[in-house]
Protein backbone atom coordinates (compact mmCIF):
# COMPACT_ATOMS: atom_id res chain seq x y z
CA MET A 1 10.91 -13.90 11.27
CA ASN A 2 7.58 -15.22 13.02
CA ARG A 3 5.01 -15.59 10.20
CA SER A 4 2.02 -14.42 11.62
CA ARG A 5 3.93 -11.32 12.41
CA LEU A 6 4.94 -11.03 8.50
CA PHE A 7 0.82 -11.86 7.91
CA TYR A 8 0.09 -9.15 10.22
CA GLY A 9 2.28 -6.78 8.96
CA GLY A 10 1.83 -7.44 5.03
CA ILE A 11 -2.03 -6.50 6.19
CA VAL A 12 -1.29 -3.43 7.81
CA PHE A 13 1.12 -2.19 4.93
CA ALA A 14 -1.38 -2.80 2.38
CA LEU A 15 -3.99 -0.90 4.19
CA ILE A 16 -1.15 1.89 4.56
CA PHE A 17 -0.27 1.84 1.20
CA LEU A 18 -3.89 1.72 -0.21
CA ALA A 19 -4.79 4.82 1.96
CA LEU A 20 -2.01 6.88 0.36
CA ALA A 21 -2.80 5.74 -3.09
CA VAL A 22 -6.27 7.14 -2.43
CA TYR A 23 -4.56 10.40 -1.06
CA TYR A 24 -2.78 11.07 -4.17
CA ALA A 25 -5.55 10.35 -6.23
CA ILE A 26 -7.58 13.09 -5.16
CA PRO A 27 -6.68 16.65 -6.61
CA GLY A 28 -6.45 20.05 -4.52
CA ILE A 29 -4.98 18.29 -1.55
CA TYR A 30 -1.17 19.37 -1.37
CA HIS A 31 0.97 16.30 -2.14
CA PRO A 32 4.55 15.99 -0.81
CA PHE A 33 7.27 14.32 -2.43
CA THR A 34 6.35 15.17 -5.77
CA LEU A 35 7.76 17.19 -8.57
CA SER A 36 5.03 18.19 -10.91
CA PRO A 37 2.15 20.86 -9.11
CA PRO A 38 1.50 19.78 -5.60
CA MET A 39 -2.17 20.46 -5.69
CA GLU A 40 -2.54 17.81 -8.87
CA SER A 41 -3.64 14.18 -9.26
CA HIS A 42 -0.50 12.31 -8.89
CA SER A 43 -1.09 9.03 -11.37
CA THR A 44 2.33 7.71 -11.15
CA HIS A 45 2.14 7.92 -7.15
CA VAL A 46 -1.19 6.03 -7.17
CA VAL A 47 0.33 3.47 -9.32
CA ALA A 48 3.44 3.16 -7.69
CA PHE A 49 1.23 3.17 -4.06
CA LEU A 50 -1.20 0.25 -5.47
CA ALA A 51 1.66 -2.07 -6.75
CA LEU A 52 3.52 -2.06 -3.45
CA SER A 53 0.02 -2.55 -1.53
CA ALA A 54 -0.31 -5.61 -3.95
CA ILE A 55 3.04 -6.91 -2.95
CA SER A 56 2.12 -6.85 0.51
CA VAL A 57 -0.91 -8.58 0.16
CA ILE A 58 0.93 -11.54 -1.70
CA VAL A 59 3.24 -11.12 1.60
CA ALA A 60 0.43 -11.46 3.84
CA LEU A 61 -1.55 -14.58 1.85
CA VAL A 62 1.86 -16.13 1.63
CA ASN A 63 2.75 -16.27 5.45
CA ARG A 64 -1.01 -16.87 6.44
CA ARG A 65 -1.87 -19.65 8.89
CA ARG A 66 -2.31 -23.05 6.98
CA ALA A 67 -5.38 -24.85 8.45
CA VAL A 68 -4.12 -28.31 10.17
CA LYS A 69 -5.76 -31.64 9.45
């Protein structure tokens, strides 16, 4: 796979996962895919999406363009 595609894909997924982490952190909004009451804040989902966001950033950083000397 092309390195630039992995770089931009990592950035896009990091932003999506970050938005989902913020979404699940806000109480009073219906949160699907939860086992506890859907209107509460879900810290486990927040931590999971933040971890996925961090992994996506690492993937993007590893695959960034290198400076040519």
